[in-house]
C-alpha atoms as a PDB file:
ATOM      1  CA  MET A   1      68.890-105.429 216.982  1.00  0.00           C
ATOM      2  CA  ASN A   2      68.842-102.284 219.076  1.00  0.00           C
ATOM      3  CA  MET A   3      70.476 -99.057 217.989  1.00  0.00           C
ATOM      4  CA  ASP A   4      70.195 -96.098 220.350  1.00  0.00           C
ATOM      5  CA  ASP A   5      69.945 -92.499 219.188  1.00  0.00           C
ATOM      6  CA  GLU A   6      73.605 -91.715 219.859  1.00  0.00           C
ATOM      7  CA  VAL A   7      74.830 -94.586 217.697  1.00  0.00           C
ATOM      8  CA  TYR A   8      72.258 -93.856 214.999  1.00  0.00           C
ATOM      9  CA  ASN A   9      73.311 -90.221 214.846  1.00  0.00           C
ATOM     10  CA  ALA A  10      76.999 -91.178 214.622  1.00  0.00           C
ATOM     11  CA  TYR A  11      76.292 -93.457 211.656  1.00  0.00           C
ATOM     12  CA  ARG A  12      74.269 -90.690 209.995  1.00  0.00           C
ATOM     13  CA  GLU A  13      76.954 -88.064 210.606  1.00  0.00           C
ATOM     14  CA  ALA A  14      79.640 -90.332 209.177  1.00  0.00           C
ATOM     15  CA  GLY A  15      77.456 -91.038 206.164  1.00  0.00           C
ATOM     16  CA  ALA A  16      76.794 -87.376 205.428  1.00  0.00           C
ATOM     17  CA  LEU A  17      80.493 -86.553 205.612  1.00  0.00           C
ATOM     18  CA  ALA A  18      81.439 -89.539 203.480  1.00  0.00           C
ATOM     19  CA  ARG A  19      78.974 -88.496 200.787  1.00  0.00           C
ATOM     20  CA  LYS A  20      80.378 -84.965 200.744  1.00  0.00           C
ATOM     21  CA  VAL A  21      84.049 -85.966 200.691  1.00  0.00           C
ATOM     22  CA  LEU A  22      83.606 -88.756 198.129  1.00  0.00           C
ATOM     23  CA  ARG A  23      82.022 -86.388 195.632  1.00  0.00           C
ATOM     24  CA  ARG A  24      84.765 -83.819 196.102  1.00  0.00           C
ATOM     25  CA  GLY A  25      87.533 -86.418 195.978  1.00  0.00           C
ATOM     26  CA  ALA A  26      86.159 -88.145 192.894  1.00  0.00           C
ATOM     27  CA  GLY A  27      86.079 -84.744 191.222  1.00  0.00           C
ATOM     28  CA  LEU A  28      89.879 -84.665 191.463  1.00  0.00           C
ATOM     29  CA  VAL A  29      90.175 -87.707 189.197  1.00  0.00           C
ATOM     30  CA  LYS A  30      91.091 -86.026 185.935  1.00  0.00           C
ATOM     31  CA  GLU A  31      93.305 -86.910 183.005  1.00  0.00           C
ATOM     32  CA  GLY A  32      96.900 -85.958 183.862  1.00  0.00           C
ATOM     33  CA  ALA A  33      96.285 -85.467 187.587  1.00  0.00           C
ATOM     34  CA  PRO A  34      98.752 -87.200 189.961  1.00  0.00           C
ATOM     35  CA  LEU A  35      97.266 -90.049 191.992  1.00  0.00           C
ATOM     36  CA  LEU A  36      99.239 -89.182 195.123  1.00  0.00           C
ATOM     37  CA  ASP A  37      97.984 -85.592 195.150  1.00  0.00           C
ATOM     38  CA  MET A  38      94.389 -86.749 194.709  1.00  0.00           C
ATOM     39  CA  VAL A  39      94.634 -89.318 197.510  1.00  0.00           C
ATOM     40  CA  GLU A  40      96.305 -87.022 200.023  1.00  0.00           C
ATOM     41  CA  GLU A  41      93.968 -84.122 199.297  1.00  0.00           C
ATOM     42  CA  THR A  42      90.908 -86.341 199.714  1.00  0.00           C
ATOM     43  CA  GLU A  43      92.182 -87.903 202.942  1.00  0.00           C
ATOM     44  CA  ASN A  44      92.940 -84.421 204.291  1.00  0.00           C
ATOM     45  CA  MET A  45      89.348 -83.385 203.577  1.00  0.00           C
ATOM     46  CA  VAL A  46      88.179 -85.982 206.105  1.00  0.00           C
ATOM     47  CA  THR A  47      90.254 -84.579 208.956  1.00  0.00           C
ATOM     48  CA  GLU A  48      89.314 -81.032 207.967  1.00  0.00           C
ATOM     49  CA  GLU A  49      85.672 -82.058 208.408  1.00  0.00           C
ATOM     50  CA  GLY A  50      86.420 -83.255 211.945  1.00  0.00           C
ATOM     51  CA  ALA A  51      86.115 -86.978 211.228  1.00  0.00           C
ATOM     52  CA  LEU A  52      88.620 -89.839 210.836  1.00  0.00           C
ATOM     53  CA  LEU A  53      89.390 -92.269 208.039  1.00  0.00           C
ATOM     54  CA  ALA A  54      88.063 -95.785 208.517  1.00  0.00           C
ATOM     55  CA  PHE A  55      90.650 -97.003 206.000  1.00  0.00           C
ATOM     56  CA  PRO A  56      93.109 -95.460 203.541  1.00  0.00           C
ATOM     57  CA  LEU A  57      91.392 -94.042 200.481  1.00  0.00           C
ATOM     58  CA  ASN A  58      91.202 -96.866 197.938  1.00  0.00           C
ATOM     59  CA  VAL A  59      91.788 -95.815 194.340  1.00  0.00           C
ATOM     60  CA  SER A  60      91.833 -98.795 191.992  1.00  0.00           C
ATOM     61  CA  PHE A  61      92.544 -98.609 188.261  1.00  0.00           C
ATOM     62  CA  ASN A  62      90.923-100.597 185.455  1.00  0.00           C
ATOM     63  CA  GLU A  63      91.128-104.354 186.244  1.00  0.00           C
ATOM     64  CA  ALA A  64      91.991-103.612 189.895  1.00  0.00           C
ATOM     65  CA  ALA A  65      88.934-103.830 192.114  1.00  0.00           C
ATOM     66  CA  ALA A  66      90.061-103.054 195.667  1.00  0.00           C
ATOM     67  CA  HIS A  67      92.858-102.458 198.172  1.00  0.00           C
ATOM     68  CA  ASP A  68      94.918-100.155 195.998  1.00  0.00           C
ATOM     69  CA  THR A  69      96.044 -96.797 197.344  1.00  0.00           C
ATOM     70  CA  ALA A  70      98.897 -94.424 196.648  1.00  0.00           C
ATOM     71  CA  MET A  71     102.393 -95.640 197.480  1.00  0.00           C
ATOM     72  CA  PRO A  72     104.958 -93.374 199.150  1.00  0.00           C
ATOM     73  CA  GLY A  73     106.267 -91.197 196.325  1.00  0.00           C
ATOM     74  CA  ASP A  74     103.723 -92.665 193.900  1.00  0.00           C
ATOM     75  CA  GLU A  75     104.269 -91.292 190.378  1.00  0.00           C
ATOM     76  CA  ARG A  76     101.112 -92.670 188.738  1.00  0.00           C
ATOM     77  CA  VAL A  77      98.788 -90.251 186.973  1.00  0.00           C
ATOM     78  CA  PHE A  78      95.256 -90.668 185.718  1.00  0.00           C
ATOM     79  CA  THR A  79      95.186 -91.208 181.961  1.00  0.00           C
ATOM     80  CA  ARG A  80      92.611 -91.212 179.191  1.00  0.00           C
ATOM     81  CA  GLY A  81      90.700 -94.489 179.125  1.00  0.00           C
ATOM     82  CA  ASP A  82      91.125 -95.282 182.836  1.00  0.00           C
ATOM     83  CA  LEU A  83      88.238 -96.641 184.865  1.00  0.00           C
ATOM     84  CA  VAL A  84      88.877 -95.508 188.442  1.00  0.00           C
ATOM     85  CA  LYS A  85      87.184 -96.833 191.571  1.00  0.00           C
ATOM     86  CA  VAL A  86      87.236 -94.398 194.509  1.00  0.00           C
ATOM     87  CA  ASP A  87      86.304 -96.099 197.800  1.00  0.00           C
ATOM     88  CA  LEU A  88      86.104 -93.986 200.967  1.00  0.00           C
ATOM     89  CA  GLY A  89      85.531 -94.962 204.586  1.00  0.00           C
ATOM     90  CA  ILE A  90      84.897 -92.458 207.379  1.00  0.00           C
ATOM     91  CA  HIS A  91      84.129 -93.080 211.019  1.00  0.00           C
ATOM     92  CA  VAL A  92      82.676 -90.969 213.799  1.00  0.00           C
ATOM     93  CA  ASP A  93      83.548 -92.445 217.209  1.00  0.00           C
ATOM     94  CA  GLY A  94      84.099 -95.801 215.506  1.00  0.00           C
ATOM     95  CA  TYR A  95      80.789 -95.851 213.601  1.00  0.00           C
ATOM     96  CA  ILE A  96      81.578 -96.260 209.938  1.00  0.00           C
ATOM     97  CA  ALA A  97      80.303 -95.047 206.596  1.00  0.00           C
ATOM     98  CA  ASP A  98      81.728 -96.867 203.562  1.00  0.00           C
ATOM     99  CA  THR A  99      80.903 -95.593 200.085  1.00  0.00           C
ATOM    100  CA  ALA A 100      82.363 -95.826 196.597  1.00  0.00           C
ATOM    101  CA  MET A 101      81.849 -94.671 193.037  1.00  0.00           C
ATOM    102  CA  THR A 102      83.510 -95.246 189.683  1.00  0.00           C
ATOM    103  CA  VAL A 103      84.965 -92.405 187.625  1.00  0.00           C
ATOM    104  CA  ASP A 104      85.080 -93.069 183.895  1.00  0.00           C
ATOM    105  CA  LEU A 105      87.920 -91.431 181.964  1.00  0.00           C
ATOM    106  CA  GLY A 106      87.149 -93.526 178.905  1.00  0.00           C
ATOM    107  CA  ASP A 107      84.106 -95.072 177.270  1.00  0.00           C
ATOM    108  CA  HIS A 108      82.885 -97.375 180.025  1.00  0.00           C
ATOM    109  CA  GLY A 109      79.481 -95.839 180.758  1.00  0.00           C
ATOM    110  CA  ALA A 110      77.514 -99.060 180.441  1.00  0.00           C
ATOM    111  CA  LEU A 111      79.840-100.888 182.815  1.00  0.00           C
ATOM    112  CA  VAL A 112      79.617 -98.069 185.362  1.00  0.00           C
ATOM    113  CA  GLU A 113      75.834 -98.187 185.112  1.00  0.00           C
ATOM    114  CA  ALA A 114      75.801-101.960 185.667  1.00  0.00           C
ATOM    115  CA  SER A 115      77.227-101.742 189.202  1.00  0.00           C
ATOM    116  CA  ARG A 116      75.186 -98.648 189.997  1.00  0.00           C
ATOM    117  CA  ALA A 117      71.930-100.238 188.853  1.00  0.00           C
ATOM    118  CA  ALA A 118      72.701-103.390 190.829  1.00  0.00           C
ATOM    119  CA  LEU A 119      73.280-101.328 193.970  1.00  0.00           C
ATOM    120  CA  GLU A 120      70.003 -99.460 193.599  1.00  0.00           C
ATOM    121  CA  ALA A 121      68.075-102.663 192.932  1.00  0.00           C
ATOM    122  CA  ALA A 122      69.529-104.295 196.049  1.00  0.00           C
ATOM    123  CA  ILE A 123      68.829-101.244 198.219  1.00  0.00           C
ATOM    124  CA  GLY A 124      65.229-101.333 197.070  1.00  0.00           C
ATOM    125  CA  ALA A 125      64.875-104.870 198.410  1.00  0.00           C
ATOM    126  CA  VAL A 126      66.391-104.268 201.878  1.00  0.00           C
ATOM    127  CA  ARG A 127      63.940-104.673 204.745  1.00  0.00           C
ATOM    128  CA  PRO A 128      63.631-106.825 207.884  1.00  0.00           C
ATOM    129  CA  GLY A 129      63.114-110.499 207.079  1.00  0.00           C
ATOM    130  CA  VAL A 130      64.944-110.487 203.754  1.00  0.00           C
ATOM    131  CA  VAL A 131      67.725-113.069 203.483  1.00  0.00           C
ATOM    132  CA  THR A 132      71.069-111.805 202.192  1.00  0.00           C
ATOM    133  CA  GLY A 133      71.187-114.495 199.508  1.00  0.00           C
ATOM    134  CA  GLU A 134      68.173-112.820 197.918  1.00  0.00           C
ATOM    135  CA  LEU A 135      70.163-109.589 197.606  1.00  0.00           C
ATOM    136  CA  GLY A 136      72.919-111.485 195.820  1.00  0.00           C
ATOM    137  CA  THR A 137      70.362-112.830 193.347  1.00  0.00           C
ATOM    138  CA  ILE A 138      69.141-109.291 192.639  1.00  0.00           C
ATOM    139  CA  ILE A 139      72.684-107.940 192.207  1.00  0.00           C
ATOM    140  CA  GLN A 140      73.761-110.701 189.851  1.00  0.00           C
ATOM    141  CA  ALA A 141      70.627-110.360 187.724  1.00  0.00           C
ATOM    142  CA  ALA A 142      71.023-106.592 187.389  1.00  0.00           C
ATOM    143  CA  ILE A 143      74.675-106.825 186.335  1.00  0.00           C
ATOM    144  CA  GLU A 144      74.033-109.630 183.868  1.00  0.00           C
ATOM    145  CA  GLU A 145      71.127-107.701 182.360  1.00  0.00           C
ATOM    146  CA  HIS A 146      73.688-105.053 181.416  1.00  0.00           C
ATOM    147  CA  GLY A 147      75.874-107.666 179.736  1.00  0.00           C
ATOM    148  CA  TYR A 148      78.604-108.037 182.385  1.00  0.00           C
ATOM    149  CA  ARG A 149      79.666-110.411 185.134  1.00  0.00           C
ATOM    150  CA  PRO A 150      79.436-109.765 188.877  1.00  0.00           C
ATOM    151  CA  VAL A 151      82.639-110.294 190.850  1.00  0.00           C
ATOM    152  CA  ALA A 152      81.711-113.402 192.797  1.00  0.00           C
ATOM    153  CA  ASN A 153      84.425-113.331 195.469  1.00  0.00           C
ATOM    154  CA  LEU A 154      83.875-109.761 196.659  1.00  0.00           C
ATOM    155  CA  THR A 155      80.976-108.951 198.959  1.00  0.00           C
ATOM    156  CA  GLY A 156      79.228-106.266 200.905  1.00  0.00           C
ATOM    157  CA  HIS A 157      79.721-106.408 204.649  1.00  0.00           C
ATOM    158  CA  GLY A 158      78.395-105.485 208.047  1.00  0.00           C
ATOM    159  CA  LEU A 159      79.715-102.369 209.778  1.00  0.00           C
ATOM    160  CA  ASP A 160      80.144-102.584 213.523  1.00  0.00           C
ATOM    161  CA  ARG A 161      81.995-100.168 215.773  1.00  0.00           C
ATOM    162  CA  TYR A 162      85.660-100.123 214.672  1.00  0.00           C
ATOM    163  CA  ASP A 163      84.883-103.199 212.556  1.00  0.00           C
ATOM    164  CA  LEU A 164      84.768-102.893 208.773  1.00  0.00           C
ATOM    165  CA  HIS A 165      83.861-106.476 207.998  1.00  0.00           C
ATOM    166  CA  GLY A 166      81.227-107.673 210.425  1.00  0.00           C
ATOM    167  CA  LYS A 167      78.008-109.543 209.743  1.00  0.00           C
ATOM    168  CA  PRO A 168      76.033-109.735 207.541  1.00  0.00           C
ATOM    169  CA  MET A 169      77.950-110.609 204.389  1.00  0.00           C
ATOM    170  CA  ILE A 170      76.099-109.369 201.287  1.00  0.00           C
ATOM    171  CA  PRO A 171      76.966-111.529 198.250  1.00  0.00           C
ATOM    172  CA  ASN A 172      77.222-110.170 194.721  1.00  0.00           C
ATOM    173  CA  VAL A 173      75.956-113.425 193.203  1.00  0.00           C
ATOM    174  CA  ALA A 174      72.913-115.595 193.796  1.00  0.00           C
ATOM    175  CA  MET A 175      73.133-117.946 196.750  1.00  0.00           C
ATOM    176  CA  ASN A 176      70.765-119.901 198.928  1.00  0.00           C
ATOM    177  CA  GLY A 177      70.186-118.748 202.474  1.00  0.00           C
ATOM    178  CA  GLY A 178      72.380-116.304 204.315  1.00  0.00           C
ATOM    179  CA  THR A 179      71.660-113.900 207.150  1.00  0.00           C
ATOM    180  CA  VAL A 180      68.129-112.688 207.823  1.00  0.00           C
ATOM    181  CA  LEU A 181      68.120-108.884 207.933  1.00  0.00           C
ATOM    182  CA  GLU A 182      66.943-107.254 211.150  1.00  0.00           C
ATOM    183  CA  GLU A 183      66.008-103.708 212.011  1.00  0.00           C
ATOM    184  CA  GLY A 184      69.057-101.790 213.258  1.00  0.00           C
ATOM    185  CA  MET A 185      71.652-103.655 211.194  1.00  0.00           C
ATOM    186  CA  ALA A 186      74.246-101.412 209.535  1.00  0.00           C
ATOM    187  CA  PHE A 187      76.071-102.637 206.443  1.00  0.00           C
ATOM    188  CA  ALA A 188      77.484-101.693 203.057  1.00  0.00           C
ATOM    189  CA  ILE A 189      76.334-103.154 199.757  1.00  0.00           C
ATOM    190  CA  GLU A 190      78.982-102.912 197.024  1.00  0.00           C
ATOM    191  CA  PRO A 191      78.361-104.563 193.657  1.00  0.00           C
ATOM    192  CA  PHE A 192      81.324-104.989 191.319  1.00  0.00           C
ATOM    193  CA  ALA A 193      80.699-105.508 187.601  1.00  0.00           C
ATOM    194  CA  THR A 194      83.468-106.726 185.308  1.00  0.00           C
ATOM    195  CA  THR A 195      84.342-107.398 181.684  1.00  0.00           C
ATOM    196  CA  GLY A 196      86.748-110.066 182.925  1.00  0.00           C
ATOM    197  CA  SER A 197      86.508-113.432 184.644  1.00  0.00           C
ATOM    198  CA  GLY A 198      84.221-112.466 187.513  1.00  0.00           C
ATOM    199  CA  LYS A 199      86.815-113.439 190.095  1.00  0.00           C
ATOM    200  CA  VAL A 200      89.574-111.337 191.633  1.00  0.00           C
ATOM    201  CA  THR A 201      92.993-112.598 192.715  1.00  0.00           C
ATOM    202  CA  GLU A 202      95.686-111.128 194.919  1.00  0.00           C
ATOM    203  CA  ALA A 203      98.523-109.073 193.459  1.00  0.00           C
ATOM    204  CA  ALA A 204     102.010-109.043 194.959  1.00  0.00           C
ATOM    205  CA  ARG A 205     101.859-105.386 195.982  1.00  0.00           C
ATOM    206  CA  VAL A 206     100.512-104.519 199.433  1.00  0.00           C
ATOM    207  CA  GLU A 207      99.909-100.958 200.628  1.00  0.00           C
ATOM    208  CA  ILE A 208      97.279-101.533 203.326  1.00  0.00           C
ATOM    209  CA  TYR A 209      97.586-103.364 206.654  1.00  0.00           C
ATOM    210  CA  LYS A 210      95.779-103.682 209.964  1.00  0.00           C
ATOM    211  CA  GLN A 211      96.909-104.706 213.429  1.00  0.00           C
ATOM    212  CA  ILE A 212      95.466-108.029 214.584  1.00  0.00           C
ATOM    213  CA  ALA A 213      97.550-108.762 217.689  1.00  0.00           C
ATOM    214  CA  ALA A 214      99.010-106.685 220.509  1.00  0.00           C
ATOM    215  CA  ARG A 215     102.558-107.865 221.041  1.00  0.00           C
ATOM    216  CA  PRO A 216     105.788-105.877 221.504  1.00  0.00           C
ATOM    217  CA  ALA A 217     108.254-105.289 218.689  1.00  0.00           C
ATOM    218  CA  ARG A 218     112.033-104.837 218.876  1.00  0.00           C
ATOM    219  CA  LEU A 219     112.917-103.253 215.543  1.00  0.00           C
ATOM    220  CA  PRO A 220     112.720 -99.430 215.565  1.00  0.00           C
ATOM    221  CA  SER A 221     110.831 -99.490 212.249  1.00  0.00           C
ATOM    222  CA  ALA A 222     108.324-101.998 213.633  1.00  0.00           C
ATOM    223  CA  LYS A 223     107.806 -99.855 216.726  1.00  0.00           C
ATOM    224  CA  ARG A 224     107.071 -96.845 214.503  1.00  0.00           C
ATOM    225  CA  ILE A 225     104.563 -98.874 212.520  1.00  0.00           C
ATOM    226  CA  LEU A 226     102.760 -99.928 215.689  1.00  0.00           C
ATOM    227  CA  GLU A 227     102.649 -96.308 216.836  1.00  0.00           C
ATOM    228  CA  THR A 228     100.672 -95.644 213.664  1.00  0.00           C
ATOM    229  CA  ALA A 229      98.536 -98.780 213.954  1.00  0.00           C
ATOM    230  CA  ARG A 230      97.537 -98.788 217.645  1.00  0.00           C
ATOM    231  CA  PRO A 231      95.322 -95.671 217.614  1.00  0.00           C
ATOM    232  CA  ARG A 232      93.439 -97.205 214.667  1.00  0.00           C
ATOM    233  CA  ARG A 233      91.893 -99.821 217.018  1.00  0.00           C
ATOM    234  CA  GLY A 234      92.085-102.506 214.360  1.00  0.00           C
ATOM    235  CA  LEU A 235      91.094-100.316 211.414  1.00  0.00           C
ATOM    236  CA  PRO A 236      93.416-100.469 208.382  1.00  0.00           C
ATOM    237  CA  PHE A 237      96.261 -98.057 207.735  1.00  0.00           C
ATOM    238  CA  SER A 238      98.511 -97.261 204.777  1.00  0.00           C
ATOM    239  CA  ARG A 239     102.237 -97.895 204.450  1.00  0.00           C
ATOM    240  CA  ARG A 240     102.322 -94.291 203.258  1.00  0.00           C
ATOM    241  CA  TRP A 241     101.240 -93.091 206.718  1.00  0.00           C
ATOM    242  CA  VAL A 242     104.271 -94.539 208.535  1.00  0.00           C
ATOM    243  CA  PRO A 243     107.136 -92.044 208.987  1.00  0.00           C
ATOM    244  CA  GLY A 244     110.839 -92.822 208.723  1.00  0.00           C
ATOM    245  CA  ASP A 245     112.885 -95.384 206.837  1.00  0.00           C
ATOM    246  CA  LYS A 246     113.150 -99.201 206.697  1.00  0.00           C
ATOM    247  CA  VAL A 247     109.371 -99.445 206.830  1.00  0.00           C
ATOM    248  CA  GLU A 248     109.365-102.479 204.525  1.00  0.00           C
ATOM    249  CA  ILE A 249     111.531-104.433 206.976  1.00  0.00           C
ATOM    250  CA  GLY A 250     109.240-103.563 209.870  1.00  0.00           C
ATOM    251  CA  LEU A 251     106.095-104.482 207.957  1.00  0.00           C
ATOM    252  CA  ALA A 252     107.505-107.836 206.857  1.00  0.00           C
ATOM    253  CA  THR A 253     108.541-108.633 210.433  1.00  0.00           C
ATOM    254  CA  LEU A 254     105.156-107.729 211.902  1.00  0.00           C
ATOM    255  CA  VAL A 255     103.275-109.736 209.279  1.00  0.00           C
ATOM    256  CA  ARG A 256     105.564-112.738 209.817  1.00  0.00           C
ATOM    257  CA  ASN A 257     104.983-112.530 213.579  1.00  0.00           C
ATOM    258  CA  GLY A 258     101.214-112.421 213.181  1.00  0.00           C
ATOM    259  CA  ILE A 259     100.850-108.849 214.455  1.00  0.00           C
ATOM    260  CA  LEU A 260      99.737-107.272 211.184  1.00  0.00           C
ATOM    261  CA  HIS A 261      97.395-108.557 208.490  1.00  0.00           C
ATOM    262  CA  PRO A 262      98.172-107.454 204.908  1.00  0.00           C
ATOM    263  CA  PHE A 263      95.559-106.542 202.299  1.00  0.00           C
ATOM    264  CA  PRO A 264      97.036-107.276 198.841  1.00  0.00           C
ATOM    265  CA  MET A 265      95.591-105.423 195.891  1.00  0.00           C
ATOM    266  CA  LEU A 266      92.776-107.424 194.273  1.00  0.00           C
ATOM    267  CA  HIS A 267      92.371-107.535 190.504  1.00  0.00           C
ATOM    268  CA  ASP A 268      90.606-109.339 187.671  1.00  0.00           C
ATOM    269  CA  VAL A 269      92.469-110.534 184.578  1.00  0.00           C
ATOM    270  CA  PRO A 270      94.798-108.075 182.795  1.00  0.00           C
ATOM    271  CA  GLY A 271      93.048-106.003 180.166  1.00  0.00           C
ATOM    272  CA  SER A 272      89.651-106.216 181.855  1.00  0.00           C
ATOM    273  CA  PHE A 273      87.722-103.409 183.508  1.00  0.00           C
ATOM    274  CA  VAL A 274      85.879-103.446 186.847  1.00  0.00           C
ATOM    275  CA  SER A 275      83.296-100.947 188.090  1.00  0.00           C
ATOM    276  CA  GLN A 276      82.086-100.495 191.669  1.00  0.00           C
ATOM    277  CA  ALA A 277      79.249 -98.738 193.435  1.00  0.00           C
ATOM    278  CA  GLU A 278      78.709 -98.732 197.203  1.00  0.00           C
ATOM    279  CA  HIS A 279      76.459 -97.274 199.874  1.00  0.00           C
ATOM    280  CA  THR A 280      76.098 -97.775 203.628  1.00  0.00           C
ATOM    281  CA  MET A 281      72.634 -98.274 205.102  1.00  0.00           C
ATOM    282  CA  ILE A 282      70.755 -99.010 208.308  1.00  0.00           C
ATOM    283  CA  VAL A 283      67.808-101.404 208.201  1.00  0.00           C
ATOM    284  CA  THR A 284      64.608 -99.697 209.356  1.00  0.00           C
ATOM    285  CA  GLU A 285      61.158-101.035 210.215  1.00  0.00           C
ATOM    286  CA  GLU A 286      59.934-100.866 206.636  1.00  0.00           C
ATOM    287  CA  GLY A 287      63.114-100.719 204.551  1.00  0.00           C
ATOM    288  CA  CYS A 288      66.420 -98.943 205.067  1.00  0.00           C
ATOM    289  CA  GLU A 289      68.014 -95.535 205.438  1.00  0.00           C
ATOM    290  CA  VAL A 290      70.983 -95.021 203.132  1.00  0.00           C
ATOM    291  CA  THR A 291      73.394 -92.917 205.177  1.00  0.00           C
ATOM    292  CA  THR A 292      75.782 -92.141 202.317  1.00  0.00           C
ATOM    293  CA  ARG A 293      73.271 -91.049 199.664  1.00  0.00           C
END
């Protein structure tokens, strides 16, 4: 795969900014701090740095693994014992950096280390010619060595321009075959380790959507939603970002008409804990460059 200097530099710029903002944002996760304040302050950091969000900041508590973000007027606060996943995506001219870390407000250090160790082990194996199934084998082994389960139905993913979930798919469990890595590929590896079942399911609550079809809408609330969605060029947005009232009616209508795709919150079994670690990288001639490290 070819990647010219302009594209390469955009990926690197996005990665450097994502690293900086993630560290600052994760530092706001403290016992007693309001979730909504933390999310909005972190998202504002991105625009202050001259970049754009690739997706709403994901902040997922305890058994939740992904697709959670602050609701409008969210009253949740971080509490002692929480295990908090902070997942940030930034893009520069459509070229994306996706990175995540887990903040431990309890006694979950070994679980946090399990996903982090799996990520580092997988990164160490990335090079042209490696098959993605081999990375899944490495991730699963590293997590199980720490005494936990990998989340089997969440994966890493390719990052194309304005596309968060392109090829290749990077499994978190052992599998045969897969995509052969090539120089110039950009993707995120994101191991999830859990004390639960090792499989996430969808919750009823949805805060994140993306536009998947370009068709007109009649409802004023639906029109306002599309005014928020269209400039995203298919990248996800938050319900919280849409101004005005009756947003729920507009969202339901647009989903029903196949114009929006919802992303329900994903979680393991109640009472379990999930950790996450994630970096974005570009495959190089002899290995990879991690843009978000």
